[in-house]
Amino acid sequence: MIGDLALNHIIPTAVKYQNELILNVKGLRDLGLECESIGTMTEAIKTVSHHISQIQSLAEEMRLVRRDANKIEDTRERALVYDEKVKPYFEQIREHVDKLELIVDDEDWPLVKYRELLMVR
């Protein structure tokens, strides 16, 4: 499910990238280099952190909604609840994953990127 994919593959990759940015900023500051790129990298760290936080929060909310939906015995009614209450989380989570896909280095990204899919024949 999208929550598991995001929590087990996307977030660890994003955290790794975020840590690389943090080390870079720390290294520049340790050298006494207060340059424009530190501000840019700091903003990138904040952006990555925001998307990680949103994914974690949305995935947990979705898990709770799924847990309640799975208690419904009637298959049709359960499917309707999934469609109405669980499915909307997919788009919300995907929005944050898509934003991270644009930020995280291609070599580190665990999935095929959209632009790579466009080039596949």
PDB file of N, CA and C in Angstrom:
ATOM      1  N   MET A   1       0.838  -1.182   0.000  1.00  0.00           N
ATOM      2  CA  MET A   1       0.000   0.000   0.000  1.00  0.00           C
ATOM      3  C   MET A   1       0.880   1.241   0.000  1.00  0.00           C
ATOM      4  N   ILE A   2       0.322   2.343  -0.415  1.00  0.00           N
ATOM      5  CA  ILE A   2       1.103   3.572  -0.565  1.00  0.00           C
ATOM      6  C   ILE A   2       1.739   4.017   0.752  1.00  0.00           C
ATOM      7  N   GLY A   3       1.040   3.815   1.865  1.00  0.00           N
ATOM      8  CA  GLY A   3       1.600   4.203   3.154  1.00  0.00           C
ATOM      9  C   GLY A   3       2.858   3.426   3.480  1.00  0.00           C
ATOM     10  N   ASP A   4       2.830   2.122   3.248  1.00  0.00           N
ATOM     11  CA  ASP A   4       4.007   1.292   3.505  1.00  0.00           C
ATOM     12  C   ASP A   4       5.169   1.674   2.588  1.00  0.00           C
ATOM     13  N   LEU A   5       4.865   1.906   1.329  1.00  0.00           N
ATOM     14  CA  LEU A   5       5.894   2.307   0.372  1.00  0.00           C
ATOM     15  C   LEU A   5       6.533   3.623   0.797  1.00  0.00           C
ATOM     16  N   ALA A   6       5.692   4.572   1.183  1.00  0.00           N
ATOM     17  CA  ALA A   6       6.207   5.881   1.595  1.00  0.00           C
ATOM     18  C   ALA A   6       7.031   5.779   2.874  1.00  0.00           C
ATOM     19  N   LEU A   7       6.536   5.021   3.844  1.00  0.00           N
ATOM     20  CA  LEU A   7       7.230   4.924   5.136  1.00  0.00           C
ATOM     21  C   LEU A   7       8.506   4.096   5.068  1.00  0.00           C
ATOM     22  N   ASN A   8       8.513   3.063   4.227  1.00  0.00           N
ATOM     23  CA  ASN A   8       9.657   2.145   4.200  1.00  0.00           C
ATOM     24  C   ASN A   8      10.693   2.430   3.122  1.00  0.00           C
ATOM     25  N   HIS A   9      10.331   3.236   2.121  1.00  0.00           N
ATOM     26  CA  HIS A   9      11.269   3.504   1.040  1.00  0.00           C
ATOM     27  C   HIS A   9      11.523   4.994   0.819  1.00  0.00           C
ATOM     28  N   ILE A  10      10.454   5.774   0.767  1.00  0.00           N
ATOM     29  CA  ILE A  10      10.598   7.196   0.461  1.00  0.00           C
ATOM     30  C   ILE A  10      11.173   7.966   1.646  1.00  0.00           C
ATOM     31  N   ILE A  11      10.594   7.799   2.813  1.00  0.00           N
ATOM     32  CA  ILE A  11      11.058   8.566   3.974  1.00  0.00           C
ATOM     33  C   ILE A  11      12.516   8.259   4.329  1.00  0.00           C
ATOM     34  N   PRO A  12      12.948   6.995   4.375  1.00  0.00           N
ATOM     35  CA  PRO A  12      14.371   6.765   4.660  1.00  0.00           C
ATOM     36  C   PRO A  12      15.300   7.433   3.641  1.00  0.00           C
ATOM     37  N   THR A  13      14.905   7.436   2.382  1.00  0.00           N
ATOM     38  CA  THR A  13      15.708   8.089   1.350  1.00  0.00           C
ATOM     39  C   THR A  13      15.731   9.596   1.567  1.00  0.00           C
ATOM     40  N   ALA A  14      14.577  10.170   1.890  1.00  0.00           N
ATOM     41  CA  ALA A  14      14.499  11.611   2.123  1.00  0.00           C
ATOM     42  C   ALA A  14      15.301  12.016   3.359  1.00  0.00           C
ATOM     43  N   VAL A  15      15.241  11.204   4.399  1.00  0.00           N
ATOM     44  CA  VAL A  15      16.008  11.492   5.623  1.00  0.00           C
ATOM     45  C   VAL A  15      17.504  11.431   5.327  1.00  0.00           C
ATOM     46  N   LYS A  16      17.915  10.456   4.563  1.00  0.00           N
ATOM     47  CA  LYS A  16      19.334  10.343   4.191  1.00  0.00           C
ATOM     48  C   LYS A  16      19.782  11.588   3.429  1.00  0.00           C
ATOM     49  N   TYR A  17      18.970  12.024   2.486  1.00  0.00           N
ATOM     50  CA  TYR A  17      19.305  13.230   1.709  1.00  0.00           C
ATOM     51  C   TYR A  17      19.327  14.462   2.612  1.00  0.00           C
ATOM     52  N   GLN A  18      18.346  14.542   3.496  1.00  0.00           N
ATOM     53  CA  GLN A  18      18.285  15.667   4.431  1.00  0.00           C
ATOM     54  C   GLN A  18      19.543  15.707   5.301  1.00  0.00           C
ATOM     55  N   ASN A  19      19.995  14.549   5.775  1.00  0.00           N
ATOM     56  CA  ASN A  19      21.208  14.494   6.586  1.00  0.00           C
ATOM     57  C   ASN A  19      22.439  14.934   5.797  1.00  0.00           C
ATOM     58  N   GLU A  20      22.486  14.605   4.509  1.00  0.00           N
ATOM     59  CA  GLU A  20      23.586  15.059   3.659  1.00  0.00           C
ATOM     60  C   GLU A  20      23.595  16.585   3.571  1.00  0.00           C
ATOM     61  N   LEU A  21      22.409  17.175   3.418  1.00  0.00           N
ATOM     62  CA  LEU A  21      22.310  18.635   3.368  1.00  0.00           C
ATOM     63  C   LEU A  21      22.739  19.257   4.695  1.00  0.00           C
ATOM     64  N   ILE A  22      22.310  18.650   5.793  1.00  0.00           N
ATOM     65  CA  ILE A  22      22.670  19.159   7.118  1.00  0.00           C
ATOM     66  C   ILE A  22      24.185  19.120   7.312  1.00  0.00           C
ATOM     67  N   LEU A  23      24.812  18.010   6.925  1.00  0.00           N
ATOM     68  CA  LEU A  23      26.272  17.907   7.036  1.00  0.00           C
ATOM     69  C   LEU A  23      26.974  18.937   6.164  1.00  0.00           C
ATOM     70  N   ASN A  24      26.432  19.184   4.995  1.00  0.00           N
ATOM     71  CA  ASN A  24      27.008  20.176   4.101  1.00  0.00           C
ATOM     72  C   ASN A  24      26.949  21.567   4.733  1.00  0.00           C
ATOM     73  N   VAL A  25      25.799  21.935   5.270  1.00  0.00           N
ATOM     74  CA  VAL A  25      25.649  23.244   5.919  1.00  0.00           C
ATOM     75  C   VAL A  25      26.589  23.345   7.111  1.00  0.00           C
ATOM     76  N   LYS A  26      26.617  22.300   7.919  1.00  0.00           N
ATOM     77  CA  LYS A  26      27.507  22.290   9.089  1.00  0.00           C
ATOM     78  C   LYS A  26      28.966  22.441   8.656  1.00  0.00           C
ATOM     79  N   GLY A  27      29.355  21.730   7.607  1.00  0.00           N
ATOM     80  CA  GLY A  27      30.730  21.814   7.116  1.00  0.00           C
ATOM     81  C   GLY A  27      31.096  23.212   6.641  1.00  0.00           C
ATOM     82  N   LEU A  28      30.183  23.844   5.919  1.00  0.00           N
ATOM     83  CA  LEU A  28      30.436  25.212   5.457  1.00  0.00           C
ATOM     84  C   LEU A  28      30.554  26.173   6.635  1.00  0.00           C
ATOM     85  N   ARG A  29      29.684  25.997   7.617  1.00  0.00           N
ATOM     86  CA  ARG A  29      29.741  26.869   8.799  1.00  0.00           C
ATOM     87  C   ARG A  29      31.014  26.626   9.601  1.00  0.00           C
ATOM     88  N   ASP A  30      31.428  25.365   9.714  1.00  0.00           N
ATOM     89  CA  ASP A  30      32.667  25.045  10.438  1.00  0.00           C
ATOM     90  C   ASP A  30      33.875  25.698   9.781  1.00  0.00           C
ATOM     91  N   LEU A  31      33.802  25.866   8.463  1.00  0.00           N
ATOM     92  CA  LEU A  31      34.889  26.525   7.739  1.00  0.00           C
ATOM     93  C   LEU A  31      34.770  28.044   7.787  1.00  0.00           C
ATOM     94  N   GLY A  32      33.706  28.523   8.407  1.00  0.00           N
ATOM     95  CA  GLY A  32      33.503  29.965   8.493  1.00  0.00           C
ATOM     96  C   GLY A  32      32.950  30.566   7.216  1.00  0.00           C
ATOM     97  N   LEU A  33      32.370  29.737   6.387  1.00  0.00           N
ATOM     98  CA  LEU A  33      31.822  30.221   5.118  1.00  0.00           C
ATOM     99  C   LEU A  33      30.326  30.463   5.251  1.00  0.00           C
ATOM    100  N   GLU A  34      29.964  31.681   5.490  1.00  0.00           N
ATOM    101  CA  GLU A  34      28.549  32.051   5.525  1.00  0.00           C
ATOM    102  C   GLU A  34      28.212  32.576   4.138  1.00  0.00           C
ATOM    103  N   CYS A  35      27.718  31.691   3.306  1.00  0.00           N
ATOM    104  CA  CYS A  35      27.444  32.074   1.930  1.00  0.00           C
ATOM    105  C   CYS A  35      25.960  31.888   1.605  1.00  0.00           C
ATOM    106  N   GLU A  36      25.591  32.381   0.449  1.00  0.00           N
ATOM    107  CA  GLU A  36      24.206  32.327  -0.005  1.00  0.00           C
ATOM    108  C   GLU A  36      23.678  30.893  -0.082  1.00  0.00           C
ATOM    109  N   SER A  37      24.564  29.957  -0.445  1.00  0.00           N
ATOM    110  CA  SER A  37      24.112  28.578  -0.601  1.00  0.00           C
ATOM    111  C   SER A  37      23.664  27.962   0.721  1.00  0.00           C
ATOM    112  N   ILE A  38      24.156  28.464   1.853  1.00  0.00           N
ATOM    113  CA  ILE A  38      23.710  27.949   3.147  1.00  0.00           C
ATOM    114  C   ILE A  38      22.227  28.230   3.328  1.00  0.00           C
ATOM    115  N   GLY A  39      21.800  29.421   2.970  1.00  0.00           N
ATOM    116  CA  GLY A  39      20.383  29.762   3.067  1.00  0.00           C
ATOM    117  C   GLY A  39      19.530  28.895   2.160  1.00  0.00           C
ATOM    118  N   THR A  40      20.018  28.642   0.956  1.00  0.00           N
ATOM    119  CA  THR A  40      19.301  27.794   0.009  1.00  0.00           C
ATOM    120  C   THR A  40      19.195  26.373   0.539  1.00  0.00           C
ATOM    121  N   MET A  41      20.302  25.855   1.064  1.00  0.00           N
ATOM    122  CA  MET A  41      20.295  24.493   1.602  1.00  0.00           C
ATOM    123  C   MET A  41      19.437  24.390   2.857  1.00  0.00           C
ATOM    124  N   THR A  42      19.454  25.432   3.677  1.00  0.00           N
ATOM    125  CA  THR A  42      18.616  25.437   4.875  1.00  0.00           C
ATOM    126  C   THR A  42      17.141  25.388   4.496  1.00  0.00           C
ATOM    127  N   GLU A  43      16.770  26.119   3.473  1.00  0.00           N
ATOM    128  CA  GLU A  43      15.377  26.075   2.989  1.00  0.00           C
ATOM    129  C   GLU A  43      15.038  24.690   2.443  1.00  0.00           C
ATOM    130  N   ALA A  44      15.978  24.067   1.742  1.00  0.00           N
ATOM    131  CA  ALA A  44      15.754  22.715   1.222  1.00  0.00           C
ATOM    132  C   ALA A  44      15.557  21.729   2.377  1.00  0.00           C
ATOM    133  N   ILE A  45      16.346  21.884   3.439  1.00  0.00           N
ATOM    134  CA  ILE A  45      16.209  21.023   4.626  1.00  0.00           C
ATOM    135  C   ILE A  45      14.815  21.183   5.221  1.00  0.00           C
ATOM    136  N   LYS A  46      14.367  22.420   5.343  1.00  0.00           N
ATOM    137  CA  LYS A  46      13.029  22.681   5.886  1.00  0.00           C
ATOM    138  C   LYS A  46      11.945  22.078   4.992  1.00  0.00           C
ATOM    139  N   THR A  47      12.121  22.197   3.685  1.00  0.00           N
ATOM    140  CA  THR A  47      11.145  21.657   2.738  1.00  0.00           C
ATOM    141  C   THR A  47      11.081  20.144   2.836  1.00  0.00           C
ATOM    142  N   VAL A  48      12.233  19.503   2.835  1.00  0.00           N
ATOM    143  CA  VAL A  48      12.284  18.044   2.959  1.00  0.00           C
ATOM    144  C   VAL A  48      11.642  17.616   4.275  1.00  0.00           C
ATOM    145  N   SER A  49      11.966  18.310   5.342  1.00  0.00           N
ATOM    146  CA  SER A  49      11.407  17.999   6.655  1.00  0.00           C
ATOM    147  C   SER A  49       9.883  18.122   6.651  1.00  0.00           C
ATOM    148  N   HIS A  50       9.373  19.149   6.020  1.00  0.00           N
ATOM    149  CA  HIS A  50       7.921  19.348   5.920  1.00  0.00           C
ATOM    150  C   HIS A  50       7.262  18.170   5.205  1.00  0.00           C
ATOM    151  N   HIS A  51       7.815  17.759   4.078  1.00  0.00           N
ATOM    152  CA  HIS A  51       7.222  16.663   3.312  1.00  0.00           C
ATOM    153  C   HIS A  51       7.312  15.340   4.072  1.00  0.00           C
ATOM    154  N   ILE A  52       8.413  15.099   4.746  1.00  0.00           N
ATOM    155  CA  ILE A  52       8.553  13.891   5.558  1.00  0.00           C
ATOM    156  C   ILE A  52       7.479  13.875   6.643  1.00  0.00           C
ATOM    157  N   SER A  53       7.341  14.977   7.329  1.00  0.00           N
ATOM    158  CA  SER A  53       6.363  15.087   8.403  1.00  0.00           C
ATOM    159  C   SER A  53       4.940  14.861   7.899  1.00  0.00           C
ATOM    160  N   GLN A  54       4.617  15.463   6.765  1.00  0.00           N
ATOM    161  CA  GLN A  54       3.278  15.311   6.201  1.00  0.00           C
ATOM    162  C   GLN A  54       3.009  13.865   5.789  1.00  0.00           C
ATOM    163  N   ILE A  55       3.984  13.232   5.173  1.00  0.00           N
ATOM    164  CA  ILE A  55       3.813  11.836   4.760  1.00  0.00           C
ATOM    165  C   ILE A  55       3.573  10.952   5.984  1.00  0.00           C
ATOM    166  N   GLN A  56       4.381  11.132   7.021  1.00  0.00           N
ATOM    167  CA  GLN A  56       4.222  10.333   8.229  1.00  0.00           C
ATOM    168  C   GLN A  56       2.841  10.544   8.854  1.00  0.00           C
ATOM    169  N   SER A  57       2.436  11.777   8.944  1.00  0.00           N
ATOM    170  CA  SER A  57       1.146  12.101   9.547  1.00  0.00           C
ATOM    171  C   SER A  57      -0.015  11.544   8.730  1.00  0.00           C
ATOM    172  N   LEU A  58       0.025  11.746   7.416  1.00  0.00           N
ATOM    173  CA  LEU A  58      -1.048  11.255   6.547  1.00  0.00           C
ATOM    174  C   LEU A  58      -1.102   9.725   6.522  1.00  0.00           C
ATOM    175  N   ALA A  59       0.051   9.092   6.523  1.00  0.00           N
ATOM    176  CA  ALA A  59       0.088   7.622   6.518  1.00  0.00           C
ATOM    177  C   ALA A  59      -0.519   7.065   7.804  1.00  0.00           C
ATOM    178  N   GLU A  60      -0.249   7.716   8.922  1.00  0.00           N
ATOM    179  CA  GLU A  60      -0.828   7.263  10.190  1.00  0.00           C
ATOM    180  C   GLU A  60      -2.337   7.489  10.204  1.00  0.00           C
ATOM    181  N   GLU A  61      -2.779   8.649   9.731  1.00  0.00           N
ATOM    182  CA  GLU A  61      -4.221   8.910   9.648  1.00  0.00           C
ATOM    183  C   GLU A  61      -4.899   7.873   8.750  1.00  0.00           C
ATOM    184  N   MET A  62      -4.278   7.577   7.613  1.00  0.00           N
ATOM    185  CA  MET A  62      -4.838   6.595   6.690  1.00  0.00           C
ATOM    186  C   MET A  62      -4.903   5.212   7.339  1.00  0.00           C
ATOM    187  N   ARG A  63      -3.876   4.852   8.087  1.00  0.00           N
ATOM    188  CA  ARG A  63      -3.861   3.557   8.772  1.00  0.00           C
ATOM    189  C   ARG A  63      -5.039   3.439   9.729  1.00  0.00           C
ATOM    190  N   LEU A  64      -5.320   4.502  10.457  1.00  0.00           N
ATOM    191  CA  LEU A  64      -6.433   4.480  11.407  1.00  0.00           C
ATOM    192  C   LEU A  64      -7.779   4.371  10.691  1.00  0.00           C
ATOM    193  N   VAL A  65      -7.922   5.073   9.580  1.00  0.00           N
ATOM    194  CA  VAL A  65      -9.159   4.999   8.800  1.00  0.00           C
ATOM    195  C   VAL A  65      -9.317   3.597   8.219  1.00  0.00           C
ATOM    196  N   ARG A  66      -8.218   3.022   7.726  1.00  0.00           N
ATOM    197  CA  ARG A  66      -8.263   1.648   7.193  1.00  0.00           C
ATOM    198  C   ARG A  66      -8.630   0.648   8.288  1.00  0.00           C
ATOM    199  N   ARG A  67      -8.066   0.848   9.463  1.00  0.00           N
ATOM    200  CA  ARG A  67      -8.369  -0.049  10.584  1.00  0.00           C
ATOM    201  C   ARG A  67      -9.871  -0.069  10.862  1.00  0.00           C
ATOM    202  N   ASP A  68     -10.474   1.120  10.882  1.00  0.00           N
ATOM    203  CA  ASP A  68     -11.920   1.197  11.113  1.00  0.00           C
ATOM    204  C   ASP A  68     -12.698   0.594   9.947  1.00  0.00           C
ATOM    205  N   ALA A  69     -12.242   0.847   8.734  1.00  0.00           N
ATOM    206  CA  ALA A  69     -12.934   0.311   7.556  1.00  0.00           C
ATOM    207  C   ALA A  69     -12.874  -1.215   7.537  1.00  0.00           C
ATOM    208  N   ASN A  70     -11.776  -1.776   7.984  1.00  0.00           N
ATOM    209  CA  ASN A  70     -11.617  -3.231   7.965  1.00  0.00           C
ATOM    210  C   ASN A  70     -12.527  -3.948   8.964  1.00  0.00           C
ATOM    211  N   LYS A  71     -13.111  -3.202   9.880  1.00  0.00           N
ATOM    212  CA  LYS A  71     -14.053  -3.783  10.841  1.00  0.00           C
ATOM    213  C   LYS A  71     -15.438  -3.982  10.217  1.00  0.00           C
ATOM    214  N   ILE A  72     -15.667  -3.359   9.077  1.00  0.00           N
ATOM    215  CA  ILE A  72     -16.968  -3.459   8.415  1.00  0.00           C
ATOM    216  C   ILE A  72     -17.077  -4.825   7.753  1.00  0.00           C
ATOM    217  N   GLU A  73     -18.093  -5.560   8.100  1.00  0.00           N
ATOM    218  CA  GLU A  73     -18.269  -6.930   7.599  1.00  0.00           C
ATOM    219  C   GLU A  73     -18.743  -6.968   6.152  1.00  0.00           C
ATOM    220  N   ASP A  74     -19.674  -6.097   5.814  1.00  0.00           N
ATOM    221  CA  ASP A  74     -20.234  -6.093   4.463  1.00  0.00           C
ATOM    222  C   ASP A  74     -19.179  -5.604   3.463  1.00  0.00           C
ATOM    223  N   THR A  75     -18.851  -6.452   2.493  1.00  0.00           N
ATOM    224  CA  THR A  75     -17.780  -6.152   1.537  1.00  0.00           C
ATOM    225  C   THR A  75     -18.073  -4.902   0.722  1.00  0.00           C
ATOM    226  N   ARG A  76     -19.304  -4.767   0.266  1.00  0.00           N
ATOM    227  CA  ARG A  76     -19.666  -3.593  -0.540  1.00  0.00           C
ATOM    228  C   ARG A  76     -19.535  -2.311   0.282  1.00  0.00           C
ATOM    229  N   GLU A  77     -20.054  -2.333   1.488  1.00  0.00           N
ATOM    230  CA  GLU A  77     -19.982  -1.159   2.356  1.00  0.00           C
ATOM    231  C   GLU A  77     -18.524  -0.825   2.678  1.00  0.00           C
ATOM    232  N   ARG A  78     -17.706  -1.850   2.944  1.00  0.00           N
ATOM    233  CA  ARG A  78     -16.272  -1.640   3.212  1.00  0.00           C
ATOM    234  C   ARG A  78     -15.590  -1.009   2.006  1.00  0.00           C
ATOM    235  N   ALA A  79     -15.929  -1.498   0.812  1.00  0.00           N
ATOM    236  CA  ALA A  79     -15.336  -0.941  -0.417  1.00  0.00           C
ATOM    237  C   ALA A  79     -15.721   0.527  -0.585  1.00  0.00           C
ATOM    238  N   LEU A  80     -16.940   0.862  -0.275  1.00  0.00           N
ATOM    239  CA  LEU A  80     -17.384   2.257  -0.379  1.00  0.00           C
ATOM    240  C   LEU A  80     -16.637   3.155   0.612  1.00  0.00           C
ATOM    241  N   VAL A  81     -16.429   2.648   1.822  1.00  0.00           N
ATOM    242  CA  VAL A  81     -15.682   3.415   2.820  1.00  0.00           C
ATOM    243  C   VAL A  81     -14.236   3.603   2.360  1.00  0.00           C
ATOM    244  N   TYR A  82     -13.649   2.551   1.810  1.00  0.00           N
ATOM    245  CA  TYR A  82     -12.290   2.678   1.272  1.00  0.00           C
ATOM    246  C   TYR A  82     -12.250   3.738   0.176  1.00  0.00           C
ATOM    247  N   ASP A  83     -13.238   3.709  -0.707  1.00  0.00           N
ATOM    248  CA  ASP A  83     -13.274   4.668  -1.809  1.00  0.00           C
ATOM    249  C   ASP A  83     -13.440   6.096  -1.295  1.00  0.00           C
ATOM    250  N   GLU A  84     -14.309   6.269  -0.324  1.00  0.00           N
ATOM    251  CA  GLU A  84     -14.633   7.609   0.156  1.00  0.00           C
ATOM    252  C   GLU A  84     -13.654   8.143   1.196  1.00  0.00           C
ATOM    253  N   LYS A  85     -13.102   7.266   2.033  1.00  0.00           N
ATOM    254  CA  LYS A  85     -12.303   7.750   3.164  1.00  0.00           C
ATOM    255  C   LYS A  85     -10.822   7.396   3.107  1.00  0.00           C
ATOM    256  N   VAL A  86     -10.492   6.271   2.490  1.00  0.00           N
ATOM    257  CA  VAL A  86      -9.084   5.855   2.433  1.00  0.00           C
ATOM    258  C   VAL A  86      -8.413   6.402   1.172  1.00  0.00           C
ATOM    259  N   LYS A  87      -9.057   6.233   0.058  1.00  0.00           N
ATOM    260  CA  LYS A  87      -8.481   6.635  -1.235  1.00  0.00           C
ATOM    261  C   LYS A  87      -8.005   8.091  -1.278  1.00  0.00           C
ATOM    262  N   PRO A  88      -8.723   9.044  -0.677  1.00  0.00           N
ATOM    263  CA  PRO A  88      -8.228  10.426  -0.713  1.00  0.00           C
ATOM    264  C   PRO A  88      -6.830  10.608  -0.114  1.00  0.00           C
ATOM    265  N   TYR A  89      -6.456   9.758   0.813  1.00  0.00           N
ATOM    266  CA  TYR A  89      -5.108   9.845   1.385  1.00  0.00           C
ATOM    267  C   TYR A  89      -4.030   9.522   0.353  1.00  0.00           C
ATOM    268  N   PHE A  90      -4.363   8.677  -0.615  1.00  0.00           N
ATOM    269  CA  PHE A  90      -3.387   8.323  -1.648  1.00  0.00           C
ATOM    270  C   PHE A  90      -2.887   9.577  -2.364  1.00  0.00           C
ATOM    271  N   GLU A  91      -3.806  10.429  -2.769  1.00  0.00           N
ATOM    272  CA  GLU A  91      -3.433  11.646  -3.497  1.00  0.00           C
ATOM    273  C   GLU A  91      -2.635  12.596  -2.610  1.00  0.00           C
ATOM    274  N   GLN A  92      -3.056  12.716  -1.364  1.00  0.00           N
ATOM    275  CA  GLN A  92      -2.357  13.622  -0.455  1.00  0.00           C
ATOM    276  C   GLN A  92      -0.925  13.154  -0.192  1.00  0.00           C
ATOM    277  N   ILE A  93      -0.770  11.866   0.058  1.00  0.00           N
ATOM    278  CA  ILE A  93       0.569  11.314   0.289  1.00  0.00           C
ATOM    279  C   ILE A  93       1.401  11.435  -0.978  1.00  0.00           C
ATOM    280  N   ARG A  94       0.796  11.084  -2.105  1.00  0.00           N
ATOM    281  CA  ARG A  94       1.522  11.137  -3.376  1.00  0.00           C
ATOM    282  C   ARG A  94       2.004  12.548  -3.694  1.00  0.00           C
ATOM    283  N   GLU A  95       1.225  13.549  -3.343  1.00  0.00           N
ATOM    284  CA  GLU A  95       1.628  14.938  -3.593  1.00  0.00           C
ATOM    285  C   GLU A  95       2.957  15.240  -2.901  1.00  0.00           C
ATOM    286  N   HIS A  96       3.097  14.803  -1.657  1.00  0.00           N
ATOM    287  CA  HIS A  96       4.338  15.063  -0.920  1.00  0.00           C
ATOM    288  C   HIS A  96       5.487  14.199  -1.444  1.00  0.00           C
ATOM    289  N   VAL A  97       5.184  12.966  -1.822  1.00  0.00           N
ATOM    290  CA  VAL A  97       6.207  12.097  -2.408  1.00  0.00           C
ATOM    291  C   VAL A  97       6.706  12.701  -3.725  1.00  0.00           C
ATOM    292  N   ASP A  98       5.781  13.209  -4.534  1.00  0.00           N
ATOM    293  CA  ASP A  98       6.164  13.832  -5.807  1.00  0.00           C
ATOM    294  C   ASP A  98       7.081  15.030  -5.590  1.00  0.00           C
ATOM    295  N   LYS A  99       6.811  15.808  -4.556  1.00  0.00           N
ATOM    296  CA  LYS A  99       7.664  16.963  -4.252  1.00  0.00           C
ATOM    297  C   LYS A  99       9.060  16.499  -3.847  1.00  0.00           C
ATOM    298  N   LEU A 100       9.126  15.445  -3.041  1.00  0.00           N
ATOM    299  CA  LEU A 100      10.435  14.915  -2.649  1.00  0.00           C
ATOM    300  C   LEU A 100      11.184  14.348  -3.848  1.00  0.00           C
ATOM    301  N   GLU A 101      10.457  13.741  -4.762  1.00  0.00           N
ATOM    302  CA  GLU A 101      11.081  13.182  -5.967  1.00  0.00           C
ATOM    303  C   GLU A 101      11.835  14.248  -6.746  1.00  0.00           C
ATOM    304  N   LEU A 102      11.319  15.462  -6.734  1.00  0.00           N
ATOM    305  CA  LEU A 102      11.967  16.557  -7.451  1.00  0.00           C
ATOM    306  C   LEU A 102      13.203  17.087  -6.729  1.00  0.00           C
ATOM    307  N   ILE A 103      13.273  16.848  -5.425  1.00  0.00           N
ATOM    308  CA  ILE A 103      14.356  17.404  -4.609  1.00  0.00           C
ATOM    309  C   ILE A 103      15.507  16.416  -4.429  1.00  0.00           C
ATOM    310  N   VAL A 104      15.176  15.166  -4.118  1.00  0.00           N
ATOM    311  CA  VAL A 104      16.187  14.161  -3.777  1.00  0.00           C
ATOM    312  C   VAL A 104      16.986  13.775  -5.026  1.00  0.00           C
ATOM    313  N   ASP A 105      18.269  13.576  -4.842  1.00  0.00           N
ATOM    314  CA  ASP A 105      19.171  13.198  -5.923  1.00  0.00           C
ATOM    315  C   ASP A 105      18.672  11.942  -6.640  1.00  0.00           C
ATOM    316  N   ASP A 106      18.732  11.959  -7.966  1.00  0.00           N
ATOM    317  CA  ASP A 106      18.266  10.836  -8.782  1.00  0.00           C
ATOM    318  C   ASP A 106      18.913   9.512  -8.383  1.00  0.00           C
ATOM    319  N   GLU A 107      20.183   9.540  -8.068  1.00  0.00           N
ATOM    320  CA  GLU A 107      20.902   8.308  -7.737  1.00  0.00           C
ATOM    321  C   GLU A 107      20.414   7.679  -6.436  1.00  0.00           C
ATOM    322  N   ASP A 108      19.857   8.494  -5.555  1.00  0.00           N
ATOM    323  CA  ASP A 108      19.384   7.987  -4.268  1.00  0.00           C
ATOM    324  C   ASP A 108      17.920   7.579  -4.293  1.00  0.00           C
ATOM    325  N   TRP A 109      17.158   8.113  -5.239  1.00  0.00           N
ATOM    326  CA  TRP A 109      15.714   7.869  -5.263  1.00  0.00           C
ATOM    327  C   TRP A 109      15.430   6.392  -5.516  1.00  0.00           C
ATOM    328  N   PRO A 110      14.614   5.751  -4.674  1.00  0.00           N
ATOM    329  CA  PRO A 110      14.431   4.301  -4.748  1.00  0.00           C
ATOM    330  C   PRO A 110      13.491   3.810  -5.848  1.00  0.00           C
ATOM    331  N   LEU A 111      12.752   4.714  -6.459  1.00  0.00           N
ATOM    332  CA  LEU A 111      11.781   4.327  -7.479  1.00  0.00           C
ATOM    333  C   LEU A 111      12.119   4.977  -8.815  1.00  0.00           C
ATOM    334  N   VAL A 112      11.496   4.489  -9.855  1.00  0.00           N
ATOM    335  CA  VAL A 112      11.641   5.127 -11.167  1.00  0.00           C
ATOM    336  C   VAL A 112      10.962   6.483 -11.092  1.00  0.00           C
ATOM    337  N   LYS A 113      11.618   7.508 -11.597  1.00  0.00           N
ATOM    338  CA  LYS A 113      11.034   8.850 -11.581  1.00  0.00           C
ATOM    339  C   LYS A 113      10.129   9.031 -12.797  1.00  0.00           C
ATOM    340  N   TYR A 114       9.154   9.925 -12.665  1.00  0.00           N
ATOM    341  CA  TYR A 114       8.193  10.131 -13.745  1.00  0.00           C
ATOM    342  C   TYR A 114       8.873  10.468 -15.068  1.00  0.00           C
ATOM    343  N   ARG A 115       9.858  11.337 -15.024  1.00  0.00           N
ATOM    344  CA  ARG A 115      10.517  11.725 -16.283  1.00  0.00           C
ATOM    345  C   ARG A 115      11.255  10.543 -16.907  1.00  0.00           C
ATOM    346  N   GLU A 116      11.706   9.607 -16.075  1.00  0.00           N
ATOM    347  CA  GLU A 116      12.336   8.392 -16.592  1.00  0.00           C
ATOM    348  C   GLU A 116      11.295   7.496 -17.252  1.00  0.00           C
ATOM    349  N   LEU A 117      10.102   7.449 -16.684  1.00  0.00           N
ATOM    350  CA  LEU A 117       9.030   6.649 -17.285  1.00  0.00           C
ATOM    351  C   LEU A 117       8.648   7.184 -18.660  1.00  0.00           C
ATOM    352  N   LEU A 118       8.711   8.478 -18.817  1.00  0.00           N
ATOM    353  CA  LEU A 118       8.354   9.087 -20.100  1.00  0.00           C
ATOM    354  C   LEU A 118       9.329   8.676 -21.207  1.00  0.00           C
ATOM    355  N   MET A 119      10.552   8.341 -20.821  1.00  0.00           N
ATOM    356  CA  MET A 119      11.574   7.990 -21.812  1.00  0.00           C
ATOM    357  C   MET A 119      11.601   6.488 -22.096  1.00  0.00           C
ATOM    358  N   VAL A 120      10.866   5.703 -21.336  1.00  0.00           N
ATOM    359  CA  VAL A 120      10.828   4.250 -21.555  1.00  0.00           C
ATOM    360  C   VAL A 120       9.930   3.932 -22.728  1.00  0.00           C
ATOM    361  N   ARG A 121      10.410   3.054 -23.589  1.00  0.00           N
ATOM    362  CA  ARG A 121       9.585   2.674 -24.751  1.00  0.00           C
ATOM    363  C   ARG A 121       9.068   1.289 -24.600  1.00  0.00           C
TER     364      ARG A 121
END
